Amino acid sequence: MKKTDLMGVDDFGISSYQNGDIMMRTVIDRLVIKGMDITSIPNYIRDLAYIISFNKLSSLQGLNRRLQLLGWDDFELDEHTFL
């Protein structure tokens, strides 16, 4: 487990902000590879974050069902995209 100092910099000199940026870039890249239009990604991530905030223990199937209710019928979330 990485330790961070008060400035949020870990033992490798990477700030938690950089880690978050890298993780978000990875998610965006995976969504684009799966065929999502780059302009749709912010809305998709917003909707997904909203669903997760209220359903923290939801299964992947449950997340997809809720996303479909919000109009994301043409895209199915898989375990690789957000891991």
PDB file of N, CA and C in Angstrom:
ATOM      1  N   MET A   1       0.844  -1.188   0.000  1.00  0.00           N
ATOM      2  CA  MET A   1       0.000   0.000   0.000  1.00  0.00           C
ATOM      3  C   MET A   1       0.885   1.247   0.000  1.00  0.00           C
ATOM      4  N   LYS A   2       0.556   2.182  -0.832  1.00  0.00           N
ATOM      5  CA  LYS A   2       1.357   3.396  -0.951  1.00  0.00           C
ATOM      6  C   LYS A   2       1.054   4.355   0.190  1.00  0.00           C
ATOM      7  N   LYS A   3       2.109   4.986   0.690  1.00  0.00           N
ATOM      8  CA  LYS A   3       1.938   6.040   1.679  1.00  0.00           C
ATOM      9  C   LYS A   3       1.981   7.376   0.960  1.00  0.00           C
ATOM     10  N   THR A   4       1.190   8.311   1.439  1.00  0.00           N
ATOM     11  CA  THR A   4       1.234   9.657   0.870  1.00  0.00           C
ATOM     12  C   THR A   4       1.567  10.649   1.962  1.00  0.00           C
ATOM     13  N   ASP A   5       2.239  11.712   1.580  1.00  0.00           N
ATOM     14  CA  ASP A   5       2.536  12.761   2.544  1.00  0.00           C
ATOM     15  C   ASP A   5       1.379  13.758   2.578  1.00  0.00           C
ATOM     16  N   LEU A   6       1.556  14.845   3.304  1.00  0.00           N
ATOM     17  CA  LEU A   6       0.483  15.828   3.462  1.00  0.00           C
ATOM     18  C   LEU A   6       0.107  16.508   2.155  1.00  0.00           C
ATOM     19  N   MET A   7       0.985  16.512   1.173  1.00  0.00           N
ATOM     20  CA  MET A   7       0.692  17.132  -0.113  1.00  0.00           C
ATOM     21  C   MET A   7       0.032  16.153  -1.076  1.00  0.00           C
ATOM     22  N   GLY A   8      -0.207  14.920  -0.625  1.00  0.00           N
ATOM     23  CA  GLY A   8      -0.846  13.935  -1.485  1.00  0.00           C
ATOM     24  C   GLY A   8       0.108  13.282  -2.464  1.00  0.00           C
ATOM     25  N   VAL A   9       1.412  13.307  -2.165  1.00  0.00           N
ATOM     26  CA  VAL A   9       2.404  12.692  -3.048  1.00  0.00           C
ATOM     27  C   VAL A   9       2.816  11.363  -2.444  1.00  0.00           C
ATOM     28  N   ASP A  10       2.751  10.295  -3.237  1.00  0.00           N
ATOM     29  CA  ASP A  10       3.100   8.975  -2.722  1.00  0.00           C
ATOM     30  C   ASP A  10       4.611   8.747  -2.784  1.00  0.00           C
ATOM     31  N   ASP A  11       5.040   7.545  -2.400  1.00  0.00           N
ATOM     32  CA  ASP A  11       6.463   7.211  -2.357  1.00  0.00           C
ATOM     33  C   ASP A  11       7.145   7.291  -3.720  1.00  0.00           C
ATOM     34  N   PHE A  12       6.376   7.223  -4.783  1.00  0.00           N
ATOM     35  CA  PHE A  12       6.938   7.259  -6.126  1.00  0.00           C
ATOM     36  C   PHE A  12       6.907   8.659  -6.731  1.00  0.00           C
ATOM     37  N   GLY A  13       6.483   9.652  -5.964  1.00  0.00           N
ATOM     38  CA  GLY A  13       6.444  11.021  -6.450  1.00  0.00           C
ATOM     39  C   GLY A  13       5.231  11.341  -7.296  1.00  0.00           C
ATOM     40  N   ILE A  14       4.222  10.484  -7.250  1.00  0.00           N
ATOM     41  CA  ILE A  14       3.006  10.705  -8.030  1.00  0.00           C
ATOM     42  C   ILE A  14       1.915  11.197  -7.093  1.00  0.00           C
ATOM     43  N   SER A  15       1.341  12.340  -7.410  1.00  0.00           N
ATOM     44  CA  SER A  15       0.282  12.872  -6.557  1.00  0.00           C
ATOM     45  C   SER A  15      -1.004  12.097  -6.776  1.00  0.00           C
ATOM     46  N   SER A  16      -1.891  12.149  -5.779  1.00  0.00           N
ATOM     47  CA  SER A  16      -3.177  11.467  -5.914  1.00  0.00           C
ATOM     48  C   SER A  16      -3.974  12.068  -7.068  1.00  0.00           C
ATOM     49  N   TYR A  17      -3.758  13.342  -7.365  1.00  0.00           N
ATOM     50  CA  TYR A  17      -4.436  13.959  -8.503  1.00  0.00           C
ATOM     51  C   TYR A  17      -3.966  13.325  -9.809  1.00  0.00           C
ATOM     52  N   GLN A  18      -2.658  13.081  -9.918  1.00  0.00           N
ATOM     53  CA  GLN A  18      -2.134  12.430 -11.116  1.00  0.00           C
ATOM     54  C   GLN A  18      -2.687  11.017 -11.236  1.00  0.00           C
ATOM     55  N   ASN A  19      -2.762  10.288 -10.118  1.00  0.00           N
ATOM     56  CA  ASN A  19      -3.319   8.940 -10.138  1.00  0.00           C
ATOM     57  C   ASN A  19      -4.753   8.974 -10.634  1.00  0.00           C
ATOM     58  N   GLY A  20      -5.535   9.928 -10.157  1.00  0.00           N
ATOM     59  CA  GLY A  20      -6.921  10.061 -10.588  1.00  0.00           C
ATOM     60  C   GLY A  20      -7.019  10.394 -12.061  1.00  0.00           C
ATOM     61  N   ASP A  21      -6.127  11.261 -12.527  1.00  0.00           N
ATOM     62  CA  ASP A  21      -6.105  11.618 -13.947  1.00  0.00           C
ATOM     63  C   ASP A  21      -5.771  10.408 -14.811  1.00  0.00           C
ATOM     64  N   ILE A  22      -4.814   9.614 -14.360  1.00  0.00           N
ATOM     65  CA  ILE A  22      -4.428   8.415 -15.100  1.00  0.00           C
ATOM     66  C   ILE A  22      -5.582   7.427 -15.137  1.00  0.00           C
ATOM     67  N   MET A  23      -6.249   7.240 -14.004  1.00  0.00           N
ATOM     68  CA  MET A  23      -7.385   6.317 -13.949  1.00  0.00           C
ATOM     69  C   MET A  23      -8.505   6.795 -14.866  1.00  0.00           C
ATOM     70  N   MET A  24      -8.815   8.081 -14.850  1.00  0.00           N
ATOM     71  CA  MET A  24      -9.885   8.616 -15.694  1.00  0.00           C
ATOM     72  C   MET A  24      -9.515   8.483 -17.169  1.00  0.00           C
ATOM     73  N   ARG A  25      -8.271   8.736 -17.504  1.00  0.00           N
ATOM     74  CA  ARG A  25      -7.826   8.585 -18.899  1.00  0.00           C
ATOM     75  C   ARG A  25      -7.981   7.132 -19.359  1.00  0.00           C
ATOM     76  N   THR A  26      -7.667   6.198 -18.465  1.00  0.00           N
ATOM     77  CA  THR A  26      -7.814   4.777 -18.781  1.00  0.00           C
ATOM     78  C   THR A  26      -9.269   4.431 -19.042  1.00  0.00           C
ATOM     79  N   VAL A  27     -10.163   4.916 -18.188  1.00  0.00           N
ATOM     80  CA  VAL A  27     -11.595   4.659 -18.370  1.00  0.00           C
ATOM     81  C   VAL A  27     -12.069   5.247 -19.700  1.00  0.00           C
ATOM     82  N   ILE A  28     -11.673   6.475 -19.983  1.00  0.00           N
ATOM     83  CA  ILE A  28     -12.078   7.122 -21.240  1.00  0.00           C
ATOM     84  C   ILE A  28     -11.575   6.316 -22.434  1.00  0.00           C
ATOM     85  N   ASP A  29     -10.311   5.904 -22.391  1.00  0.00           N
ATOM     86  CA  ASP A  29      -9.754   5.111 -23.491  1.00  0.00           C
ATOM     87  C   ASP A  29     -10.529   3.815 -23.687  1.00  0.00           C
ATOM     88  N   ARG A  30     -10.872   3.145 -22.602  1.00  0.00           N
ATOM     89  CA  ARG A  30     -11.618   1.886 -22.701  1.00  0.00           C
ATOM     90  C   ARG A  30     -13.016   2.101 -23.265  1.00  0.00           C
ATOM     91  N   LEU A  31     -13.661   3.195 -22.883  1.00  0.00           N
ATOM     92  CA  LEU A  31     -14.993   3.486 -23.414  1.00  0.00           C
ATOM     93  C   LEU A  31     -14.934   3.780 -24.914  1.00  0.00           C
ATOM     94  N   VAL A  32     -13.907   4.513 -25.337  1.00  0.00           N
ATOM     95  CA  VAL A  32     -13.748   4.810 -26.763  1.00  0.00           C
ATOM     96  C   VAL A  32     -13.485   3.518 -27.541  1.00  0.00           C
ATOM     97  N   ILE A  33     -12.638   2.652 -27.007  1.00  0.00           N
ATOM     98  CA  ILE A  33     -12.347   1.375 -27.662  1.00  0.00           C
ATOM     99  C   ILE A  33     -13.616   0.541 -27.809  1.00  0.00           C
ATOM    100  N   LYS A  34     -14.502   0.625 -26.811  1.00  0.00           N
ATOM    101  CA  LYS A  34     -15.764  -0.125 -26.878  1.00  0.00           C
ATOM    102  C   LYS A  34     -16.765   0.520 -27.832  1.00  0.00           C
ATOM    103  N   GLY A  35     -16.418   1.686 -28.375  1.00  0.00           N
ATOM    104  CA  GLY A  35     -17.263   2.301 -29.384  1.00  0.00           C
ATOM    105  C   GLY A  35     -18.080   3.497 -28.931  1.00  0.00           C
ATOM    106  N   MET A  36     -17.866   3.978 -27.709  1.00  0.00           N
ATOM    107  CA  MET A  36     -18.622   5.134 -27.245  1.00  0.00           C
ATOM    108  C   MET A  36     -18.052   6.411 -27.859  1.00  0.00           C
ATOM    109  N   ASP A  37     -18.926   7.276 -28.299  1.00  0.00           N
ATOM    110  CA  ASP A  37     -18.534   8.576 -28.850  1.00  0.00           C
ATOM    111  C   ASP A  37     -17.909   9.409 -27.732  1.00  0.00           C
ATOM    112  N   ILE A  38     -16.776  10.007 -28.009  1.00  0.00           N
ATOM    113  CA  ILE A  38     -16.042  10.783 -27.004  1.00  0.00           C
ATOM    114  C   ILE A  38     -16.901  11.884 -26.384  1.00  0.00           C
ATOM    115  N   THR A  39     -17.830  12.438 -27.139  1.00  0.00           N
ATOM    116  CA  THR A  39     -18.671  13.514 -26.610  1.00  0.00           C
ATOM    117  C   THR A  39     -19.732  12.996 -25.642  1.00  0.00           C
ATOM    118  N   SER A  40     -20.001  11.699 -25.649  1.00  0.00           N
ATOM    119  CA  SER A  40     -20.997  11.110 -24.750  1.00  0.00           C
ATOM    120  C   SER A  40     -20.405  10.683 -23.413  1.00  0.00           C
ATOM    121  N   ILE A  41     -19.096  10.546 -23.356  1.00  0.00           N
ATOM    122  CA  ILE A  41     -18.445   9.993 -22.171  1.00  0.00           C
ATOM    123  C   ILE A  41     -18.694  10.803 -20.903  1.00  0.00           C
ATOM    124  N   PRO A  42     -18.598  12.137 -20.900  1.00  0.00           N
ATOM    125  CA  PRO A  42     -18.870  12.870 -19.654  1.00  0.00           C
ATOM    126  C   PRO A  42     -20.270  12.595 -19.094  1.00  0.00           C
ATOM    127  N   ASN A  43     -21.267  12.544 -19.960  1.00  0.00           N
ATOM    128  CA  ASN A  43     -22.631  12.263 -19.498  1.00  0.00           C
ATOM    129  C   ASN A  43     -22.758  10.838 -18.977  1.00  0.00           C
ATOM    130  N   TYR A  44     -22.117   9.898 -19.649  1.00  0.00           N
ATOM    131  CA  TYR A  44     -22.160   8.501 -19.218  1.00  0.00           C
ATOM    132  C   TYR A  44     -21.528   8.355 -17.834  1.00  0.00           C
ATOM    133  N   ILE A  45     -20.356   8.939 -17.646  1.00  0.00           N
ATOM    134  CA  ILE A  45     -19.659   8.848 -16.359  1.00  0.00           C
ATOM    135  C   ILE A  45     -20.468   9.545 -15.269  1.00  0.00           C
ATOM    136  N   ARG A  46     -21.079  10.677 -15.586  1.00  0.00           N
ATOM    137  CA  ARG A  46     -21.935  11.364 -14.620  1.00  0.00           C
ATOM    138  C   ARG A  46     -23.093  10.472 -14.192  1.00  0.00           C
ATOM    139  N   ASP A  47     -23.778   9.870 -15.162  1.00  0.00           N
ATOM    140  CA  ASP A  47     -24.908   8.998 -14.842  1.00  0.00           C
ATOM    141  C   ASP A  47     -24.459   7.781 -14.043  1.00  0.00           C
ATOM    142  N   LEU A  48     -23.338   7.193 -14.425  1.00  0.00           N
ATOM    143  CA  LEU A  48     -22.824   6.032 -13.701  1.00  0.00           C
ATOM    144  C   LEU A  48     -22.457   6.406 -12.265  1.00  0.00           C
ATOM    145  N   ALA A  49     -21.793   7.539 -12.077  1.00  0.00           N
ATOM    146  CA  ALA A  49     -21.427   7.991 -10.729  1.00  0.00           C
ATOM    147  C   ALA A  49     -22.670   8.229  -9.880  1.00  0.00           C
ATOM    148  N   TYR A  50     -23.705   8.792 -10.478  1.00  0.00           N
ATOM    149  CA  TYR A  50     -24.969   9.023  -9.770  1.00  0.00           C
ATOM    150  C   TYR A  50     -25.573   7.693  -9.321  1.00  0.00           C
ATOM    151  N   ILE A  51     -25.599   6.721 -10.217  1.00  0.00           N
ATOM    152  CA  ILE A  51     -26.160   5.409  -9.887  1.00  0.00           C
ATOM    153  C   ILE A  51     -25.360   4.757  -8.766  1.00  0.00           C
ATOM    154  N   ILE A  52     -24.042   4.778  -8.872  1.00  0.00           N
ATOM    155  CA  ILE A  52     -23.191   4.149  -7.861  1.00  0.00           C
ATOM    156  C   ILE A  52     -23.344   4.842  -6.515  1.00  0.00           C
ATOM    157  N   SER A  53     -23.518   6.155  -6.505  1.00  0.00           N
ATOM    158  CA  SER A  53     -23.636   6.879  -5.234  1.00  0.00           C
ATOM    159  C   SER A  53     -24.865   6.450  -4.438  1.00  0.00           C
ATOM    160  N   PHE A  54     -25.895   5.989  -5.124  1.00  0.00           N
ATOM    161  CA  PHE A  54     -27.104   5.545  -4.439  1.00  0.00           C
ATOM    162  C   PHE A  54     -27.210   4.030  -4.336  1.00  0.00           C
ATOM    163  N   ASN A  55     -26.414   3.296  -5.083  1.00  0.00           N
ATOM    164  CA  ASN A  55     -26.478   1.834  -5.117  1.00  0.00           C
ATOM    165  C   ASN A  55     -25.071   1.257  -5.027  1.00  0.00           C
ATOM    166  N   LYS A  56     -24.382   1.528  -3.940  1.00  0.00           N
ATOM    167  CA  LYS A  56     -22.978   1.160  -3.807  1.00  0.00           C
ATOM    168  C   LYS A  56     -22.715  -0.334  -3.982  1.00  0.00           C
ATOM    169  N   LEU A  57     -23.667  -1.181  -3.639  1.00  0.00           N
ATOM    170  CA  LEU A  57     -23.466  -2.624  -3.707  1.00  0.00           C
ATOM    171  C   LEU A  57     -24.123  -3.252  -4.926  1.00  0.00           C
ATOM    172  N   SER A  58     -24.488  -2.463  -5.886  1.00  0.00           N
ATOM    173  CA  SER A  58     -25.176  -2.966  -7.070  1.00  0.00           C
ATOM    174  C   SER A  58     -24.249  -3.846  -7.908  1.00  0.00           C
ATOM    175  N   SER A  59     -24.811  -4.880  -8.493  1.00  0.00           N
ATOM    176  CA  SER A  59     -24.053  -5.758  -9.385  1.00  0.00           C
ATOM    177  C   SER A  59     -23.865  -5.077 -10.736  1.00  0.00           C
ATOM    178  N   LEU A  60     -23.007  -5.656 -11.536  1.00  0.00           N
ATOM    179  CA  LEU A  60     -22.793  -5.146 -12.886  1.00  0.00           C
ATOM    180  C   LEU A  60     -24.094  -5.189 -13.685  1.00  0.00           C
ATOM    181  N   GLN A  61     -24.837  -6.260 -13.525  1.00  0.00           N
ATOM    182  CA  GLN A  61     -26.135  -6.387 -14.199  1.00  0.00           C
ATOM    183  C   GLN A  61     -27.092  -5.288 -13.730  1.00  0.00           C
ATOM    184  N   GLY A  62     -27.095  -5.011 -12.425  1.00  0.00           N
ATOM    185  CA  GLY A  62     -27.946  -3.952 -11.887  1.00  0.00           C
ATOM    186  C   GLY A  62     -27.550  -2.577 -12.398  1.00  0.00           C
ATOM    187  N   LEU A  63     -26.242  -2.331 -12.488  1.00  0.00           N
ATOM    188  CA  LEU A  63     -25.771  -1.051 -13.024  1.00  0.00           C
ATOM    189  C   LEU A  63     -26.209  -0.881 -14.472  1.00  0.00           C
ATOM    190  N   ASN A  64     -26.057  -1.944 -15.268  1.00  0.00           N
ATOM    191  CA  ASN A  64     -26.468  -1.872 -16.674  1.00  0.00           C
ATOM    192  C   ASN A  64     -27.963  -1.633 -16.808  1.00  0.00           C
ATOM    193  N   ARG A  65     -28.749  -2.271 -15.963  1.00  0.00           N
ATOM    194  CA  ARG A  65     -30.202  -2.083 -16.006  1.00  0.00           C
ATOM    195  C   ARG A  65     -30.561  -0.629 -15.707  1.00  0.00           C
ATOM    196  N   ARG A  66     -29.932  -0.061 -14.692  1.00  0.00           N
ATOM    197  CA  ARG A  66     -30.215   1.335 -14.333  1.00  0.00           C
ATOM    198  C   ARG A  66     -29.725   2.302 -15.418  1.00  0.00           C
ATOM    199  N   LEU A  67     -28.578   1.992 -16.018  1.00  0.00           N
ATOM    200  CA  LEU A  67     -28.084   2.821 -17.120  1.00  0.00           C
ATOM    201  C   LEU A  67     -29.042   2.773 -18.304  1.00  0.00           C
ATOM    202  N   GLN A  68     -29.604   1.609 -18.575  1.00  0.00           N
ATOM    203  CA  GLN A  68     -30.576   1.486 -19.666  1.00  0.00           C
ATOM    204  C   GLN A  68     -31.823   2.311 -19.380  1.00  0.00           C
ATOM    205  N   LEU A  69     -32.231   2.365 -18.124  1.00  0.00           N
ATOM    206  CA  LEU A  69     -33.389   3.187 -17.760  1.00  0.00           C
ATOM    207  C   LEU A  69     -33.124   4.672 -18.015  1.00  0.00           C
ATOM    208  N   LEU A  70     -31.847   5.052 -17.980  1.00  0.00           N
ATOM    209  CA  LEU A  70     -31.466   6.443 -18.244  1.00  0.00           C
ATOM    210  C   LEU A  70     -31.183   6.693 -19.726  1.00  0.00           C
ATOM    211  N   GLY A  71     -31.392   5.675 -20.558  1.00  0.00           N
ATOM    212  CA  GLY A  71     -31.237   5.859 -21.995  1.00  0.00           C
ATOM    213  C   GLY A  71     -29.955   5.314 -22.600  1.00  0.00           C
ATOM    214  N   TRP A  72     -29.133   4.637 -21.818  1.00  0.00           N
ATOM    215  CA  TRP A  72     -27.881   4.081 -22.329  1.00  0.00           C
ATOM    216  C   TRP A  72     -28.109   2.656 -22.838  1.00  0.00           C
ATOM    217  N   ASP A  73     -29.028   2.506 -23.792  1.00  0.00           N
ATOM    218  CA  ASP A  73     -29.397   1.193 -24.321  1.00  0.00           C
ATOM    219  C   ASP A  73     -28.333   0.588 -25.230  1.00  0.00           C
ATOM    220  N   ASP A  74     -27.595   1.417 -25.928  1.00  0.00           N
ATOM    221  CA  ASP A  74     -26.671   0.915 -26.938  1.00  0.00           C
ATOM    222  C   ASP A  74     -25.277   0.608 -26.403  1.00  0.00           C
ATOM    223  N   PHE A  75     -25.105   0.675 -25.091  1.00  0.00           N
ATOM    224  CA  PHE A  75     -23.790   0.432 -24.513  1.00  0.00           C
ATOM    225  C   PHE A  75     -23.942  -0.377 -23.239  1.00  0.00           C
ATOM    226  N   GLU A  76     -23.184  -1.466 -23.128  1.00  0.00           N
ATOM    227  CA  GLU A  76     -23.246  -2.286 -21.923  1.00  0.00           C
ATOM    228  C   GLU A  76     -21.908  -2.240 -21.196  1.00  0.00           C
ATOM    229  N   LEU A  77     -21.969  -1.914 -19.929  1.00  0.00           N
ATOM    230  CA  LEU A  77     -20.795  -1.853 -19.076  1.00  0.00           C
ATOM    231  C   LEU A  77     -20.298  -3.266 -18.807  1.00  0.00           C
ATOM    232  N   ASP A  78     -18.982  -3.468 -18.846  1.00  0.00           N
ATOM    233  CA  ASP A  78     -18.424  -4.770 -18.484  1.00  0.00           C
ATOM    234  C   ASP A  78     -17.387  -4.592 -17.383  1.00  0.00           C
ATOM    235  N   GLU A  79     -16.963  -5.719 -16.803  1.00  0.00           N
ATOM    236  CA  GLU A  79     -16.049  -5.648 -15.662  1.00  0.00           C
ATOM    237  C   GLU A  79     -14.679  -5.097 -16.049  1.00  0.00           C
ATOM    238  N   HIS A  80     -14.273  -5.206 -17.277  1.00  0.00           N
ATOM    239  CA  HIS A  80     -12.955  -4.712 -17.692  1.00  0.00           C
ATOM    240  C   HIS A  80     -12.906  -3.183 -17.798  1.00  0.00           C
ATOM    241  N   THR A  81     -14.014  -2.576 -18.149  1.00  0.00           N
ATOM    242  CA  THR A  81     -14.018  -1.138 -18.411  1.00  0.00           C
ATOM    243  C   THR A  81     -13.617  -0.316 -17.194  1.00  0.00           C
ATOM    244  N   PHE A  82     -14.093  -0.689 -16.015  1.00  0.00           N
ATOM    245  CA  PHE A  82     -13.830   0.133 -14.830  1.00  0.00           C
ATOM    246  C   PHE A  82     -12.911  -0.524 -13.816  1.00  0.00           C
ATOM    247  N   LEU A  83     -12.215  -1.584 -14.208  1.00  0.00           N
ATOM    248  CA  LEU A  83     -11.256  -2.215 -13.295  1.00  0.00           C
ATOM    249  C   LEU A  83      -9.858  -1.773 -13.596  1.00  0.00           C
TER     250      LEU A  83
END
